[in-house]
Every structure is written in C-alpha cells, then in structure tokens.
C-alpha cells in the first residue's frame, strides 16, 4: 500500500507543478460547448476542476471500499469467534463425556474386582473349613490307630508278662 500511495502522491505533485507552471494558460478564457449551449470559461480550470472532482470521487470510493472491507472483516471475525466458542464447547462436552465414560468403566471394573475378591475370600474360607475338618478327621483317625496300637501293646505286655 505504501508504494501505491507514493506513486499517487507523485502524480498529484506533477499535476500541481504543471498547473502552477502553466497558470496563465489555465485561466485563459475559451468558448466551451456543454452539449446544448456554449459557455465562455477558462478551459484549463474546468479540466483541472474535473480532475480534482474525479480524484475526490475516487478517494471517496476507496474510503467506502476500505470501510466495507473493515466491516466485513469484523463480521467475519465475530462469526469465527462464535464458531471457535462453539467448537470449544463441543470439545469440552466430549471431554466431559469421555471422563464420565472412563469413570463408569472404572466403577464397573472396581465392582467386578470387589465381587471376585469376595468370591475368592469365600472360597478360601470354605477351603479352610474343609481343611480343618480333614485335619480333625486325620487327628481322630491317628488317635484311633494309636489307641489300637496301645491296646495291642498292652495286651502283649499283659500276655507276655
């Protein structure tokens, strides 16, 4: 934009220099036809005025374009921000949903592990009871055998003495 502005500034300076150097020719009266009538006026000043008017119109048009682009950019920025906010909310919602899902999975695993642990403890308790019962039976059996052996020894000792 800086180069274009510099070129336009140089062109305006050149027009002003030519107008200043040829001022006497610019103010010389001439008969000018405006289509349906003739007017006596300085042709150079009329042409210079039309050039200035055209430059002013172009300048106004450029300002209009710049302002419309600026407004469009602001509108676009607001829409982008709204879309960004919407995407952030959706992403936060997905993270919340994922966290809830993972918590549900963890709770499910904890419940299953607790149930397995309780079943294992119950089974170990049953095995302990069965083992205790078998030990009691073994003790009784061994005591019975020892009692029989003692009876035999006592009989032998009594018959042999």
N, C-alpha and C. Protein backbone atom coordinates (compact mmCIF):
# COMPACT_ATOMS: atom_id res chain seq x y z
N UNK A 1 0.83 -1.19 0.00
CA UNK A 1 0.00 0.00 0.00
C UNK A 1 0.87 1.24 0.00
N UNK A 2 2.05 1.18 0.59
CA UNK A 2 2.93 2.34 0.67
C UNK A 2 3.44 2.77 -0.69
N UNK A 3 3.74 1.81 -1.56
CA UNK A 3 4.25 2.13 -2.91
C UNK A 3 3.16 2.80 -3.73
N UNK A 4 1.95 2.29 -3.65
CA UNK A 4 0.84 2.87 -4.42
C UNK A 4 0.55 4.29 -3.96
N UNK A 5 0.55 4.51 -2.65
CA UNK A 5 0.31 5.85 -2.11
C UNK A 5 1.41 6.80 -2.55
N UNK A 6 2.64 6.34 -2.58
CA UNK A 6 3.76 7.19 -3.01
C UNK A 6 3.62 7.56 -4.48
N UNK A 7 3.24 6.61 -5.32
CA UNK A 7 3.06 6.89 -6.75
C UNK A 7 1.92 7.89 -6.96
N UNK A 8 0.80 7.71 -6.25
CA UNK A 8 -0.30 8.66 -6.37
C UNK A 8 0.10 10.05 -5.90
N UNK A 9 0.87 10.12 -4.83
CA UNK A 9 1.34 11.40 -4.32
C UNK A 9 2.24 12.10 -5.35
N UNK A 10 3.09 11.32 -6.01
CA UNK A 10 3.98 11.90 -7.04
C UNK A 10 3.15 12.39 -8.22
N UNK A 11 2.12 11.66 -8.62
CA UNK A 11 1.27 12.08 -9.73
C UNK A 11 0.54 13.38 -9.38
N UNK A 12 0.02 13.49 -8.15
CA UNK A 12 -0.66 14.72 -7.72
C UNK A 12 0.32 15.88 -7.73
N UNK A 13 1.53 15.65 -7.27
CA UNK A 13 2.56 16.71 -7.28
C UNK A 13 2.89 17.15 -8.71
N UNK A 14 2.98 16.20 -9.63
CA UNK A 14 3.25 16.55 -11.03
C UNK A 14 2.11 17.36 -11.62
N UNK A 15 0.86 16.99 -11.35
CA UNK A 15 -0.28 17.77 -11.85
C UNK A 15 -0.25 19.18 -11.28
N UNK A 16 0.04 19.29 -9.98
CA UNK A 16 0.10 20.61 -9.34
C UNK A 16 1.25 21.44 -9.93
N UNK A 17 2.37 20.81 -10.22
CA UNK A 17 3.51 21.54 -10.80
C UNK A 17 3.18 22.03 -12.20
N UNK A 18 2.57 21.16 -13.01
CA UNK A 18 2.21 21.57 -14.38
C UNK A 18 1.18 22.69 -14.32
N UNK A 19 0.21 22.61 -13.40
CA UNK A 19 -0.80 23.65 -13.27
C UNK A 19 -0.17 24.96 -12.83
N UNK A 20 0.77 24.91 -11.89
CA UNK A 20 1.42 26.15 -11.41
C UNK A 20 2.28 26.77 -12.50
N UNK A 21 3.01 25.94 -13.26
CA UNK A 21 3.88 26.46 -14.31
C UNK A 21 3.09 27.02 -15.49
N UNK A 22 1.91 26.49 -15.71
CA UNK A 22 1.11 26.93 -16.85
C UNK A 22 -0.18 27.62 -16.39
N UNK A 23 -0.11 28.36 -15.34
CA UNK A 23 -1.29 29.01 -14.77
C UNK A 23 -1.94 29.98 -15.75
N UNK A 24 -1.18 30.71 -16.47
CA UNK A 24 -1.73 31.70 -17.40
C UNK A 24 -2.54 31.02 -18.52
N UNK A 25 -2.06 29.85 -18.95
CA UNK A 25 -2.82 29.12 -19.97
C UNK A 25 -4.10 28.52 -19.38
N UNK A 26 -4.02 28.13 -18.11
CA UNK A 26 -5.19 27.52 -17.48
C UNK A 26 -6.32 28.52 -17.28
N UNK A 27 -5.98 29.80 -17.04
CA UNK A 27 -7.03 30.79 -16.78
C UNK A 27 -7.44 31.55 -18.04
N UNK A 28 -6.88 31.18 -19.17
CA UNK A 28 -7.25 31.85 -20.43
C UNK A 28 -8.67 31.45 -20.81
N UNK A 29 -9.56 32.44 -21.07
CA UNK A 29 -10.94 32.11 -21.40
C UNK A 29 -11.06 31.47 -22.78
N UNK A 30 -12.03 30.58 -22.88
CA UNK A 30 -12.29 29.90 -24.16
C UNK A 30 -13.77 29.61 -24.23
N UNK A 31 -14.25 29.38 -25.45
CA UNK A 31 -15.66 29.05 -25.65
C UNK A 31 -15.80 27.54 -25.51
N UNK A 32 -16.58 27.13 -24.50
CA UNK A 32 -16.71 25.69 -24.20
C UNK A 32 -18.15 25.28 -24.52
N UNK A 33 -18.28 24.16 -25.23
CA UNK A 33 -19.61 23.63 -25.56
C UNK A 33 -19.96 22.58 -24.50
N UNK A 34 -21.12 22.71 -23.88
CA UNK A 34 -21.62 21.74 -22.91
C UNK A 34 -22.78 20.94 -23.49
N UNK A 35 -22.82 20.77 -24.73
CA UNK A 35 -23.83 19.97 -25.41
C UNK A 35 -24.94 20.80 -25.98
N UNK A 36 -25.74 21.47 -25.18
CA UNK A 36 -26.88 22.24 -25.66
C UNK A 36 -26.64 23.75 -25.63
N UNK A 37 -25.45 24.20 -25.17
CA UNK A 37 -25.14 25.63 -25.18
C UNK A 37 -23.64 25.84 -25.12
N UNK A 38 -23.21 27.07 -25.36
CA UNK A 38 -21.81 27.44 -25.30
C UNK A 38 -21.60 28.37 -24.13
N UNK A 39 -20.46 28.15 -23.42
CA UNK A 39 -20.14 28.97 -22.25
C UNK A 39 -18.72 29.47 -22.43
N UNK A 40 -18.48 30.75 -22.05
CA UNK A 40 -17.12 31.28 -22.06
C UNK A 40 -16.54 31.08 -20.66
N UNK A 41 -15.52 30.22 -20.53
CA UNK A 41 -14.87 29.94 -19.25
C UNK A 41 -13.45 29.47 -19.53
N UNK A 42 -12.58 29.53 -18.52
CA UNK A 42 -11.21 29.03 -18.74
C UNK A 42 -11.23 27.49 -18.82
N UNK A 43 -10.84 26.98 -19.99
CA UNK A 43 -10.87 25.54 -20.25
C UNK A 43 -9.92 24.80 -19.30
N UNK A 44 -8.76 25.34 -19.02
CA UNK A 44 -7.79 24.68 -18.13
C UNK A 44 -8.33 24.52 -16.72
N UNK A 45 -9.00 25.60 -16.22
CA UNK A 45 -9.55 25.49 -14.87
C UNK A 45 -10.70 24.50 -14.82
N UNK A 46 -11.51 24.45 -15.88
CA UNK A 46 -12.60 23.48 -15.92
C UNK A 46 -12.03 22.06 -15.91
N UNK A 47 -11.02 21.81 -16.74
CA UNK A 47 -10.40 20.48 -16.79
C UNK A 47 -9.72 20.14 -15.46
N UNK A 48 -9.04 21.13 -14.86
CA UNK A 48 -8.40 20.91 -13.56
C UNK A 48 -9.45 20.62 -12.48
N UNK A 49 -10.57 21.34 -12.52
CA UNK A 49 -11.66 21.10 -11.57
C UNK A 49 -12.26 19.72 -11.74
N UNK A 50 -12.45 19.32 -13.02
CA UNK A 50 -12.98 17.97 -13.26
C UNK A 50 -12.00 16.91 -12.77
N UNK A 51 -10.69 17.15 -12.94
CA UNK A 51 -9.68 16.21 -12.46
C UNK A 51 -9.72 16.11 -10.94
N UNK A 52 -9.85 17.26 -10.26
CA UNK A 52 -9.93 17.26 -8.80
C UNK A 52 -11.21 16.57 -8.34
N UNK A 53 -12.34 16.83 -9.04
CA UNK A 53 -13.60 16.18 -8.69
C UNK A 53 -13.50 14.67 -8.87
N UNK A 54 -12.87 14.22 -9.97
CA UNK A 54 -12.70 12.80 -10.22
C UNK A 54 -11.80 12.18 -9.14
N UNK A 55 -10.73 12.89 -8.78
CA UNK A 55 -9.85 12.39 -7.71
C UNK A 55 -10.59 12.27 -6.38
N UNK A 56 -11.45 13.27 -6.09
CA UNK A 56 -12.22 13.23 -4.85
C UNK A 56 -13.20 12.06 -4.86
N UNK A 57 -13.84 11.82 -6.04
CA UNK A 57 -14.75 10.67 -6.15
C UNK A 57 -13.99 9.36 -5.96
N UNK A 58 -12.83 9.23 -6.58
CA UNK A 58 -12.03 8.02 -6.41
C UNK A 58 -11.61 7.84 -4.95
N UNK A 59 -11.23 8.96 -4.31
CA UNK A 59 -10.84 8.91 -2.91
C UNK A 59 -12.02 8.47 -2.04
N UNK A 60 -13.21 8.97 -2.30
CA UNK A 60 -14.40 8.57 -1.56
C UNK A 60 -14.72 7.10 -1.80
N UNK A 61 -14.54 6.66 -3.05
CA UNK A 61 -14.78 5.27 -3.38
C UNK A 61 -13.80 4.35 -2.64
N UNK A 62 -12.55 4.76 -2.56
CA UNK A 62 -11.54 3.96 -1.85
C UNK A 62 -11.88 3.90 -0.36
N UNK A 63 -12.31 5.03 0.20
CA UNK A 63 -12.70 5.02 1.62
C UNK A 63 -13.91 4.12 1.83
N UNK A 64 -14.87 4.17 0.91
CA UNK A 64 -16.04 3.30 1.00
C UNK A 64 -15.62 1.83 0.95
N UNK A 65 -14.74 1.47 0.01
CA UNK A 65 -14.28 0.09 -0.10
C UNK A 65 -13.55 -0.36 1.16
N UNK A 66 -12.67 0.52 1.66
CA UNK A 66 -11.92 0.17 2.88
C UNK A 66 -12.86 -0.04 4.06
N UNK A 67 -13.83 0.83 4.21
CA UNK A 67 -14.75 0.69 5.35
C UNK A 67 -15.63 -0.55 5.20
N UNK A 68 -16.07 -0.85 3.98
CA UNK A 68 -16.89 -2.05 3.79
C UNK A 68 -16.06 -3.31 4.05
N UNK A 69 -14.80 -3.28 3.63
CA UNK A 69 -13.93 -4.43 3.90
C UNK A 69 -13.68 -4.56 5.40
N UNK A 70 -13.49 -3.43 6.07
CA UNK A 70 -13.28 -3.45 7.52
C UNK A 70 -14.51 -4.00 8.24
N UNK A 71 -15.69 -3.56 7.83
CA UNK A 71 -16.91 -4.07 8.44
C UNK A 71 -17.09 -5.56 8.17
N UNK A 72 -16.80 -5.97 6.94
CA UNK A 72 -16.90 -7.39 6.60
C UNK A 72 -15.91 -8.22 7.40
N UNK A 73 -14.72 -7.67 7.59
CA UNK A 73 -13.71 -8.37 8.38
C UNK A 73 -14.16 -8.51 9.83
N UNK A 74 -14.74 -7.46 10.38
CA UNK A 74 -15.24 -7.54 11.76
C UNK A 74 -16.35 -8.57 11.87
N UNK A 75 -17.25 -8.57 10.92
CA UNK A 75 -18.35 -9.54 10.94
C UNK A 75 -17.79 -10.96 10.84
N UNK A 76 -16.84 -11.14 9.94
CA UNK A 76 -16.22 -12.45 9.77
C UNK A 76 -15.49 -12.87 11.04
N UNK A 77 -14.80 -11.93 11.68
CA UNK A 77 -14.08 -12.23 12.92
C UNK A 77 -15.06 -12.65 14.02
N UNK A 78 -16.20 -11.95 14.11
CA UNK A 78 -17.21 -12.32 15.11
C UNK A 78 -17.76 -13.72 14.84
N UNK A 79 -18.02 -14.01 13.57
CA UNK A 79 -18.52 -15.34 13.23
C UNK A 79 -17.48 -16.41 13.54
N UNK A 80 -16.22 -16.11 13.24
CA UNK A 80 -15.15 -17.07 13.53
C UNK A 80 -15.04 -17.29 15.04
N UNK A 81 -15.17 -16.22 15.82
CA UNK A 81 -15.10 -16.35 17.27
C UNK A 81 -16.27 -17.19 17.79
N UNK A 82 -17.45 -16.95 17.21
CA UNK A 82 -18.62 -17.74 17.62
C UNK A 82 -18.40 -19.21 17.28
N UNK A 83 -17.87 -19.50 16.10
CA UNK A 83 -17.59 -20.88 15.71
C UNK A 83 -16.51 -21.49 16.61
N UNK A 84 -15.51 -20.70 16.95
CA UNK A 84 -14.44 -21.17 17.83
C UNK A 84 -15.00 -21.50 19.21
N UNK A 85 -15.88 -20.62 19.72
CA UNK A 85 -16.51 -20.87 21.02
C UNK A 85 -17.37 -22.13 20.97
N UNK A 86 -18.11 -22.29 19.88
CA UNK A 86 -18.94 -23.48 19.71
C UNK A 86 -18.08 -24.74 19.68
N UNK A 87 -16.96 -24.68 18.95
CA UNK A 87 -16.06 -25.83 18.89
C UNK A 87 -15.44 -26.12 20.26
N UNK A 88 -15.10 -25.07 21.00
CA UNK A 88 -14.54 -25.27 22.34
C UNK A 88 -15.56 -25.93 23.26
N UNK A 89 -16.82 -25.48 23.16
CA UNK A 89 -17.87 -26.08 23.99
C UNK A 89 -18.07 -27.55 23.61
N UNK A 90 -18.07 -27.83 22.31
CA UNK A 90 -18.24 -29.21 21.86
C UNK A 90 -17.08 -30.08 22.34
N UNK A 91 -15.88 -29.53 22.26
CA UNK A 91 -14.71 -30.28 22.72
C UNK A 91 -14.77 -30.52 24.22
N UNK A 92 -15.17 -29.50 24.97
CA UNK A 92 -15.31 -29.66 26.42
C UNK A 92 -16.39 -30.70 26.72
N UNK A 93 -17.46 -30.69 25.95
CA UNK A 93 -18.52 -31.68 26.13
C UNK A 93 -18.00 -33.09 25.86
N UNK A 94 -17.19 -33.23 24.82
CA UNK A 94 -16.62 -34.54 24.52
C UNK A 94 -15.68 -34.99 25.64
N UNK A 95 -14.89 -34.07 26.18
CA UNK A 95 -14.01 -34.42 27.28
C UNK A 95 -14.81 -34.83 28.51
N UNK A 96 -15.88 -34.12 28.79
CA UNK A 96 -16.73 -34.46 29.94
C UNK A 96 -17.35 -35.84 29.72
N UNK A 97 -17.83 -36.07 28.51
CA UNK A 97 -18.43 -37.36 28.19
C UNK A 97 -17.40 -38.48 28.31
N UNK A 98 -16.18 -38.23 27.84
CA UNK A 98 -15.12 -39.23 27.94
C UNK A 98 -14.78 -39.50 29.41
N UNK A 99 -14.68 -38.43 30.21
CA UNK A 99 -14.37 -38.60 31.62
C UNK A 99 -15.47 -39.41 32.31
N UNK A 100 -16.73 -39.11 32.01
CA UNK A 100 -17.84 -39.87 32.60
C UNK A 100 -17.79 -41.33 32.18
N UNK A 101 -17.48 -41.58 30.91
CA UNK A 101 -17.39 -42.94 30.42
C UNK A 101 -16.27 -43.69 31.13
N UNK A 102 -15.09 -43.03 31.26
CA UNK A 102 -13.97 -43.69 31.94
C UNK A 102 -14.28 -43.95 33.41
N UNK A 103 -14.96 -43.01 34.06
CA UNK A 103 -15.35 -43.22 35.46
C UNK A 103 -16.32 -44.39 35.58
N UNK A 104 -17.27 -44.50 34.65
CA UNK A 104 -18.22 -45.61 34.67
C UNK A 104 -17.48 -46.93 34.46
N UNK A 105 -16.52 -46.94 33.53
CA UNK A 105 -15.74 -48.15 33.29
C UNK A 105 -14.93 -48.53 34.52
N UNK A 106 -14.33 -47.53 35.14
CA UNK A 106 -13.53 -47.80 36.34
C UNK A 106 -14.42 -48.32 37.46
N UNK A 107 -15.59 -47.73 37.66
CA UNK A 107 -16.52 -48.22 38.68
C UNK A 107 -16.95 -49.65 38.40
N UNK A 108 -17.21 -49.94 37.13
CA UNK A 108 -17.59 -51.29 36.74
C UNK A 108 -16.47 -52.28 37.05
N UNK A 109 -15.23 -51.91 36.70
CA UNK A 109 -14.09 -52.78 36.99
C UNK A 109 -13.91 -52.95 38.50
N UNK A 110 -14.10 -51.88 39.25
CA UNK A 110 -13.95 -51.97 40.71
C UNK A 110 -15.01 -52.90 41.29
N UNK A 111 -16.25 -52.80 40.81
CA UNK A 111 -17.31 -53.68 41.31
C UNK A 111 -17.01 -55.14 40.98
N UNK A 112 -16.54 -55.39 39.74
CA UNK A 112 -16.19 -56.77 39.37
C UNK A 112 -15.04 -57.28 40.22
N UNK A 113 -14.03 -56.44 40.43
CA UNK A 113 -12.89 -56.86 41.25
C UNK A 113 -13.31 -57.12 42.69
N UNK A 114 -14.21 -56.28 43.21
CA UNK A 114 -14.71 -56.49 44.57
C UNK A 114 -15.48 -57.81 44.65
N UNK A 115 -16.33 -58.06 43.65
CA UNK A 115 -17.09 -59.31 43.62
C UNK A 115 -16.14 -60.50 43.53
N UNK A 116 -15.13 -60.43 42.70
CA UNK A 116 -14.16 -61.52 42.57
C UNK A 116 -13.39 -61.70 43.88
N UNK A 117 -13.02 -60.60 44.50
CA UNK A 117 -12.29 -60.66 45.76
C UNK A 117 -13.15 -61.32 46.84
N UNK A 118 -14.42 -60.93 46.91
CA UNK A 118 -15.33 -61.53 47.89
C UNK A 118 -15.52 -63.01 47.61
N UNK A 119 -15.67 -63.39 46.34
CA UNK A 119 -15.82 -64.80 45.98
C UNK A 119 -14.56 -65.58 46.34
N UNK A 120 -13.39 -64.97 46.10
CA UNK A 120 -12.13 -65.63 46.43
C UNK A 120 -12.01 -65.83 47.95
N UNK A 121 -12.38 -64.80 48.71
CA UNK A 121 -12.33 -64.92 50.17
C UNK A 121 -13.30 -65.99 50.66
N UNK A 122 -14.49 -66.06 50.06
CA UNK A 122 -15.46 -67.09 50.44
C UNK A 122 -14.91 -68.47 50.13
N UNK A 123 -14.29 -68.62 48.98
CA UNK A 123 -13.72 -69.91 48.58
C UNK A 123 -12.57 -70.30 49.50
N UNK A 124 -11.72 -69.34 49.85
CA UNK A 124 -10.62 -69.62 50.78
C UNK A 124 -11.18 -70.02 52.13
N UNK A 125 -12.25 -69.35 52.56
CA UNK A 125 -12.91 -69.72 53.82
C UNK A 125 -13.44 -71.14 53.78
N UNK A 126 -14.06 -71.51 52.66
CA UNK A 126 -14.57 -72.87 52.51
C UNK A 126 -13.44 -73.89 52.54
N UNK A 127 -12.34 -73.56 51.84
CA UNK A 127 -11.20 -74.47 51.82
C UNK A 127 -10.59 -74.61 53.21
N UNK A 128 -10.53 -73.50 53.96
CA UNK A 128 -10.02 -73.56 55.32
C UNK A 128 -10.90 -74.46 56.19
N UNK A 129 -12.20 -74.31 56.05
CA UNK A 129 -13.13 -75.14 56.83
C UNK A 129 -12.97 -76.61 56.46
N UNK A 130 -12.88 -76.88 55.14
CA UNK A 130 -12.71 -78.26 54.68
C UNK A 130 -11.38 -78.82 55.18
N UNK A 131 -10.34 -78.01 55.12
CA UNK A 131 -9.02 -78.45 55.59
C UNK A 131 -9.05 -78.71 57.09
N UNK A 132 -9.70 -77.81 57.84
CA UNK A 132 -9.84 -78.02 59.29
C UNK A 132 -10.60 -79.30 59.59
N UNK A 133 -11.64 -79.56 58.83
CA UNK A 133 -12.43 -80.78 59.03
C UNK A 133 -11.59 -82.01 58.73
N UNK A 134 -10.83 -81.94 57.62
CA UNK A 134 -9.99 -83.08 57.27
C UNK A 134 -8.89 -83.29 58.31
N UNK A 135 -8.34 -82.19 58.83
CA UNK A 135 -7.32 -82.32 59.87
C UNK A 135 -7.92 -82.96 61.12
N UNK A 136 -9.13 -82.56 61.47
CA UNK A 136 -9.80 -83.15 62.63
C UNK A 136 -10.03 -84.64 62.42
N UNK A 137 -10.46 -85.01 61.20
CA UNK A 137 -10.68 -86.42 60.88
C UNK A 137 -9.36 -87.19 60.95
N UNK A 138 -8.30 -86.56 60.40
CA UNK A 138 -6.98 -87.21 60.44
C UNK A 138 -6.53 -87.39 61.88
N UNK A 139 -6.73 -86.37 62.71
CA UNK A 139 -6.36 -86.48 64.12
C UNK A 139 -7.13 -87.62 64.79
N UNK A 140 -8.43 -87.68 64.50
CA UNK A 140 -9.26 -88.74 65.08
C UNK A 140 -8.79 -90.11 64.60
N UNK A 141 -8.49 -90.20 63.30
CA UNK A 141 -8.03 -91.47 62.74
C UNK A 141 -6.72 -91.88 63.37
N UNK A 142 -5.79 -90.91 63.45
CA UNK A 142 -4.47 -91.21 64.04
C UNK A 142 -4.63 -91.57 65.51
N UNK A 143 -5.50 -90.85 66.21
CA UNK A 143 -5.73 -91.18 67.63
C UNK A 143 -6.32 -92.58 67.78
N UNK A 144 -7.22 -92.95 66.87
CA UNK A 144 -7.82 -94.28 66.91
C UNK A 144 -6.76 -95.34 66.65
N UNK A 145 -5.91 -95.10 65.68
CA UNK A 145 -4.83 -96.06 65.36
C UNK A 145 -3.87 -96.17 66.54
N UNK A 146 -3.53 -95.01 67.10
CA UNK A 146 -2.61 -95.04 68.25
C UNK A 146 -3.28 -95.78 69.42
N UNK A 147 -4.58 -95.55 69.60
CA UNK A 147 -5.31 -96.25 70.65
C UNK A 147 -5.29 -97.76 70.43
N UNK A 148 -5.48 -98.19 69.16
CA UNK A 148 -5.45 -99.62 68.84
C UNK A 148 -4.06 -100.19 69.11
N UNK A 149 -3.04 -99.40 68.71
CA UNK A 149 -1.66 -99.88 68.93
C UNK A 149 -1.38 -100.00 70.43
N UNK A 150 -1.86 -99.03 71.18
CA UNK A 150 -1.66 -99.08 72.63
C UNK A 150 -2.36 -100.29 73.24
N UNK A 151 -3.57 -100.57 72.75
CA UNK A 151 -4.30 -101.74 73.23
C UNK A 151 -3.53 -103.02 72.90
N UNK A 152 -3.01 -103.13 71.72
CA UNK A 152 -2.24 -104.30 71.31
C UNK A 152 -0.98 -104.43 72.17
N UNK A 153 -0.33 -103.27 72.38
CA UNK A 153 0.88 -103.32 73.21
C UNK A 153 0.52 -103.73 74.63
N UNK A 154 -0.56 -103.17 75.11
CA UNK A 154 -0.98 -103.50 76.47
C UNK A 154 -1.35 -105.00 76.57
N UNK A 155 -1.96 -105.53 75.56
CA UNK A 155 -2.32 -106.95 75.54
C UNK A 155 -1.07 -107.80 75.45
N UNK A 156 -0.14 -107.43 74.70
CA UNK A 156 1.09 -108.18 74.55
C UNK A 156 1.89 -108.11 75.83
N UNK A 157 1.89 -106.94 76.37
CA UNK A 157 2.64 -106.76 77.62
C UNK A 157 1.93 -107.60 78.71
N UNK A 158 0.58 -107.59 78.69
CA UNK A 158 -0.17 -108.33 79.70
C UNK A 158 -0.06 -109.84 79.44
N UNK A 159 -0.06 -110.34 78.28
CA UNK A 159 0.06 -111.73 77.95
C UNK A 159 1.51 -112.18 78.02
N UNK A 160 2.38 -111.40 77.79
CA UNK A 160 3.80 -111.75 77.76
C UNK A 160 4.40 -111.58 79.13
N UNK A 161 3.81 -110.99 80.07
CA UNK A 161 4.45 -110.78 81.37
C UNK A 161 4.03 -111.75 82.40
